[in-house]
Amino acid sequence: MTRRWSAPTRRMHQGIIALMLSAGALVSASAMSGCAGDGLVYDTYRHDSHRWNHDDDRFYRQWEVETHRAHSNFRRRSHSDQQAYWGWRHRS
């Protein structure tokens, strides 16, 4: 025997499902963003700004490994570390 739901109950369940899917999409999008976020990051090596993306995050983590640095958010790094990264990045 199948269960029949009233129209208001069905609409409420559809709304809850839509809300859960939207929340899941927002959470997964923020979880996949890079260390520095998706904003602009100033490059002191070339005196310009870059939009930080997945490739920058990958290179940044590679730089941390190659230079034996502990992982840290790029924006929290010292000015000299940020300059060292941009120098390395432009040579790579």
N, C-alpha and C. Protein backbone atom coordinates (compact mmCIF):
# COMPACT_ATOMS: atom_id res chain seq x y z
N MET A 1 0.84 -1.17 0.00
CA MET A 1 0.00 0.00 0.00
C MET A 1 0.90 1.25 0.00
N THR A 2 0.65 2.15 -0.92
CA THR A 2 1.45 3.38 -1.00
C THR A 2 0.85 4.45 -0.10
N ARG A 3 1.74 5.27 0.41
CA ARG A 3 1.30 6.33 1.31
C ARG A 3 1.11 7.61 0.51
N ARG A 4 0.01 8.26 0.66
CA ARG A 4 -0.27 9.51 -0.03
C ARG A 4 -0.07 10.66 0.93
N TRP A 5 0.70 11.62 0.49
CA TRP A 5 0.98 12.79 1.32
C TRP A 5 0.09 13.93 0.86
N SER A 6 -0.31 14.74 1.79
CA SER A 6 -1.12 15.90 1.42
C SER A 6 -0.23 16.91 0.70
N ALA A 7 -0.83 17.79 -0.07
CA ALA A 7 -0.07 18.78 -0.85
C ALA A 7 0.79 19.67 0.04
N PRO A 8 0.30 20.19 1.17
CA PRO A 8 1.17 21.03 2.01
C PRO A 8 2.36 20.26 2.58
N THR A 9 2.15 18.99 2.96
CA THR A 9 3.24 18.18 3.51
C THR A 9 4.29 17.90 2.43
N ARG A 10 3.82 17.60 1.22
CA ARG A 10 4.73 17.33 0.10
C ARG A 10 5.56 18.57 -0.22
N ARG A 11 4.94 19.75 -0.23
CA ARG A 11 5.66 21.00 -0.49
C ARG A 11 6.70 21.27 0.60
N MET A 12 6.33 20.97 1.86
CA MET A 12 7.26 21.19 2.96
C MET A 12 8.48 20.28 2.81
N HIS A 13 8.26 19.02 2.46
CA HIS A 13 9.37 18.08 2.28
C HIS A 13 10.24 18.50 1.10
N GLN A 14 9.64 18.97 0.03
CA GLN A 14 10.42 19.43 -1.12
C GLN A 14 11.25 20.66 -0.74
N GLY A 15 10.70 21.53 0.08
CA GLY A 15 11.43 22.70 0.54
C GLY A 15 12.62 22.33 1.41
N ILE A 16 12.42 21.36 2.28
CA ILE A 16 13.50 20.89 3.15
C ILE A 16 14.62 20.27 2.31
N ILE A 17 14.26 19.46 1.34
CA ILE A 17 15.26 18.84 0.47
C ILE A 17 16.01 19.91 -0.32
N ALA A 18 15.31 20.89 -0.84
CA ALA A 18 15.97 21.96 -1.59
C ALA A 18 16.92 22.74 -0.69
N LEU A 19 16.50 23.01 0.54
CA LEU A 19 17.35 23.72 1.49
C LEU A 19 18.61 22.91 1.81
N MET A 20 18.47 21.61 2.01
CA MET A 20 19.61 20.76 2.32
C MET A 20 20.58 20.69 1.13
N LEU A 21 20.08 20.61 -0.08
CA LEU A 21 20.94 20.59 -1.26
C LEU A 21 21.68 21.91 -1.43
N SER A 22 21.00 23.01 -1.19
CA SER A 22 21.64 24.33 -1.29
C SER A 22 22.74 24.48 -0.24
N ALA A 23 22.46 24.06 0.98
CA ALA A 23 23.46 24.15 2.05
C ALA A 23 24.66 23.27 1.73
N GLY A 24 24.41 22.09 1.21
CA GLY A 24 25.50 21.19 0.82
C GLY A 24 26.37 21.78 -0.27
N ALA A 25 25.75 22.44 -1.25
CA ALA A 25 26.52 23.06 -2.32
C ALA A 25 27.39 24.20 -1.78
N LEU A 26 26.86 25.00 -0.87
CA LEU A 26 27.65 26.09 -0.29
C LEU A 26 28.81 25.58 0.55
N VAL A 27 28.56 24.55 1.34
CA VAL A 27 29.61 23.99 2.18
C VAL A 27 30.72 23.37 1.33
N SER A 28 30.35 22.62 0.30
CA SER A 28 31.37 21.99 -0.53
C SER A 28 32.16 23.02 -1.32
N ALA A 29 31.52 24.09 -1.75
CA ALA A 29 32.24 25.14 -2.48
C ALA A 29 33.25 25.83 -1.58
N SER A 30 32.89 26.09 -0.34
CA SER A 30 33.84 26.74 0.57
C SER A 30 34.94 25.78 0.98
N ALA A 31 34.66 24.50 1.07
CA ALA A 31 35.68 23.52 1.45
C ALA A 31 36.70 23.33 0.34
N MET A 32 36.30 23.54 -0.92
CA MET A 32 37.22 23.34 -2.03
C MET A 32 38.04 24.57 -2.36
N SER A 33 37.78 25.68 -1.72
CA SER A 33 38.53 26.89 -2.03
C SER A 33 39.96 26.76 -1.51
N GLY A 34 40.81 27.57 -2.06
CA GLY A 34 42.21 27.50 -1.73
C GLY A 34 42.53 28.07 -0.38
N CYS A 35 43.81 27.90 -0.01
CA CYS A 35 44.28 28.37 1.28
C CYS A 35 44.09 29.86 1.47
N ALA A 36 44.36 30.61 0.46
CA ALA A 36 44.26 32.06 0.57
C ALA A 36 42.87 32.54 0.20
N GLY A 37 41.99 31.63 -0.12
CA GLY A 37 40.67 32.03 -0.55
C GLY A 37 40.69 32.36 -2.03
N ASP A 38 39.57 32.79 -2.55
CA ASP A 38 39.48 33.09 -3.97
C ASP A 38 39.67 34.56 -4.26
N GLY A 39 40.15 35.32 -3.31
CA GLY A 39 40.30 36.74 -3.51
C GLY A 39 41.60 37.09 -4.22
N LEU A 40 41.83 38.36 -4.33
CA LEU A 40 43.07 38.83 -4.93
C LEU A 40 44.18 38.79 -3.90
N VAL A 41 45.36 38.38 -4.35
CA VAL A 41 46.54 38.31 -3.51
C VAL A 41 47.61 39.17 -4.17
N TYR A 42 48.23 40.06 -3.39
CA TYR A 42 49.22 40.97 -3.93
C TYR A 42 50.57 40.27 -4.08
N ASP A 43 51.17 40.39 -5.25
CA ASP A 43 52.47 39.81 -5.56
C ASP A 43 53.53 40.90 -5.40
N THR A 44 54.28 40.84 -4.30
CA THR A 44 55.30 41.87 -4.05
C THR A 44 56.50 41.70 -4.97
N TYR A 45 56.66 40.54 -5.57
CA TYR A 45 57.78 40.29 -6.47
C TYR A 45 57.62 41.06 -7.77
N ARG A 46 56.40 41.07 -8.31
CA ARG A 46 56.13 41.79 -9.57
C ARG A 46 55.24 43.01 -9.37
N HIS A 47 54.87 43.29 -8.14
CA HIS A 47 54.04 44.45 -7.81
C HIS A 47 52.72 44.46 -8.57
N ASP A 48 52.03 43.32 -8.53
CA ASP A 48 50.70 43.24 -9.12
C ASP A 48 49.86 42.26 -8.31
N SER A 49 48.60 42.13 -8.68
CA SER A 49 47.69 41.26 -7.95
C SER A 49 47.36 40.04 -8.78
N HIS A 50 47.14 38.93 -8.09
CA HIS A 50 46.75 37.67 -8.73
C HIS A 50 45.47 37.18 -8.10
N ARG A 51 44.62 36.57 -8.90
CA ARG A 51 43.45 35.89 -8.35
C ARG A 51 43.90 34.50 -7.94
N TRP A 52 43.84 34.18 -6.65
CA TRP A 52 44.30 32.91 -6.11
C TRP A 52 43.33 31.82 -6.55
N ASN A 53 43.84 30.77 -7.19
CA ASN A 53 42.98 29.69 -7.64
C ASN A 53 43.59 28.34 -7.25
N HIS A 54 43.04 27.26 -7.78
CA HIS A 54 43.48 25.92 -7.43
C HIS A 54 44.94 25.71 -7.80
N ASP A 55 45.38 26.21 -8.95
CA ASP A 55 46.78 26.06 -9.36
C ASP A 55 47.72 26.77 -8.39
N ASP A 56 47.36 27.97 -7.97
CA ASP A 56 48.19 28.69 -7.01
C ASP A 56 48.28 27.93 -5.70
N ASP A 57 47.19 27.35 -5.27
CA ASP A 57 47.19 26.57 -4.03
C ASP A 57 48.13 25.38 -4.16
N ARG A 58 48.08 24.71 -5.31
CA ARG A 58 48.94 23.54 -5.54
C ARG A 58 50.41 23.95 -5.53
N PHE A 59 50.76 25.04 -6.23
CA PHE A 59 52.14 25.52 -6.25
C PHE A 59 52.59 25.97 -4.86
N TYR A 60 51.70 26.63 -4.14
CA TYR A 60 52.03 27.10 -2.79
C TYR A 60 52.38 25.93 -1.87
N ARG A 61 51.57 24.87 -1.95
CA ARG A 61 51.86 23.69 -1.12
C ARG A 61 53.16 23.02 -1.54
N GLN A 62 53.45 23.01 -2.83
CA GLN A 62 54.71 22.45 -3.32
C GLN A 62 55.89 23.28 -2.79
N TRP A 63 55.75 24.60 -2.80
CA TRP A 63 56.79 25.50 -2.27
C TRP A 63 57.03 25.22 -0.79
N GLU A 64 55.95 25.02 -0.04
CA GLU A 64 56.09 24.73 1.39
C GLU A 64 56.91 23.45 1.61
N VAL A 65 56.62 22.42 0.81
CA VAL A 65 57.35 21.16 0.95
C VAL A 65 58.82 21.33 0.56
N GLU A 66 59.06 21.97 -0.59
CA GLU A 66 60.43 22.12 -1.08
C GLU A 66 61.28 23.00 -0.18
N THR A 67 60.68 23.95 0.50
CA THR A 67 61.44 24.85 1.36
C THR A 67 61.33 24.46 2.84
N HIS A 68 60.76 23.28 3.10
CA HIS A 68 60.67 22.71 4.45
C HIS A 68 59.96 23.64 5.43
N ARG A 69 58.86 24.22 4.98
CA ARG A 69 58.05 25.08 5.84
C ARG A 69 56.79 24.33 6.25
N ALA A 70 56.33 24.59 7.45
CA ALA A 70 55.06 24.02 7.91
C ALA A 70 53.93 24.70 7.15
N HIS A 71 52.83 23.98 6.95
CA HIS A 71 51.71 24.58 6.21
C HIS A 71 51.09 25.71 7.02
N SER A 72 50.84 26.80 6.33
CA SER A 72 50.20 27.96 6.93
C SER A 72 49.44 28.70 5.84
N ASN A 73 48.41 29.40 6.23
CA ASN A 73 47.65 30.21 5.28
C ASN A 73 48.58 31.27 4.69
N PHE A 74 48.54 31.44 3.38
CA PHE A 74 49.44 32.37 2.70
C PHE A 74 49.32 33.78 3.27
N ARG A 75 48.11 34.22 3.55
CA ARG A 75 47.90 35.59 4.04
C ARG A 75 48.50 35.80 5.43
N ARG A 76 48.72 34.72 6.16
CA ARG A 76 49.29 34.83 7.51
C ARG A 76 50.82 34.73 7.51
N ARG A 77 51.39 34.44 6.36
CA ARG A 77 52.85 34.35 6.25
C ARG A 77 53.46 35.74 6.40
N SER A 78 54.71 35.76 6.82
CA SER A 78 55.42 37.04 6.93
C SER A 78 55.63 37.62 5.53
N HIS A 79 55.88 38.90 5.48
CA HIS A 79 56.11 39.58 4.20
C HIS A 79 57.30 38.94 3.46
N SER A 80 58.35 38.61 4.19
CA SER A 80 59.53 38.01 3.54
C SER A 80 59.21 36.61 2.99
N ASP A 81 58.39 35.82 3.70
CA ASP A 81 57.99 34.51 3.19
C ASP A 81 57.12 34.66 1.94
N GLN A 82 56.22 35.63 1.95
CA GLN A 82 55.38 35.85 0.76
C GLN A 82 56.26 36.25 -0.42
N GLN A 83 57.24 37.12 -0.20
CA GLN A 83 58.15 37.51 -1.28
C GLN A 83 58.95 36.30 -1.77
N ALA A 84 59.40 35.46 -0.84
CA ALA A 84 60.14 34.26 -1.22
C ALA A 84 59.28 33.34 -2.08
N TYR A 85 58.00 33.21 -1.71
CA TYR A 85 57.11 32.36 -2.50
C TYR A 85 56.94 32.92 -3.91
N TRP A 86 56.67 34.23 -4.03
CA TRP A 86 56.45 34.80 -5.36
C TRP A 86 57.72 34.71 -6.21
N GLY A 87 58.88 34.88 -5.61
CA GLY A 87 60.13 34.70 -6.36
C GLY A 87 60.26 33.28 -6.87
N TRP A 88 59.99 32.30 -6.01
CA TRP A 88 60.04 30.90 -6.39
C TRP A 88 59.01 30.59 -7.47
N ARG A 89 57.82 31.14 -7.28
CA ARG A 89 56.71 30.88 -8.23
C ARG A 89 57.04 31.38 -9.62
N HIS A 90 57.65 32.54 -9.73
CA HIS A 90 57.95 33.10 -11.05
C HIS A 90 59.16 32.44 -11.68
N ARG A 91 60.00 31.81 -10.87
CA ARG A 91 61.12 31.04 -11.44
C ARG A 91 60.69 29.65 -11.87
N SER A 92 59.58 29.15 -11.31
CA SER A 92 59.12 27.79 -11.61
C SER A 92 58.38 27.71 -12.92
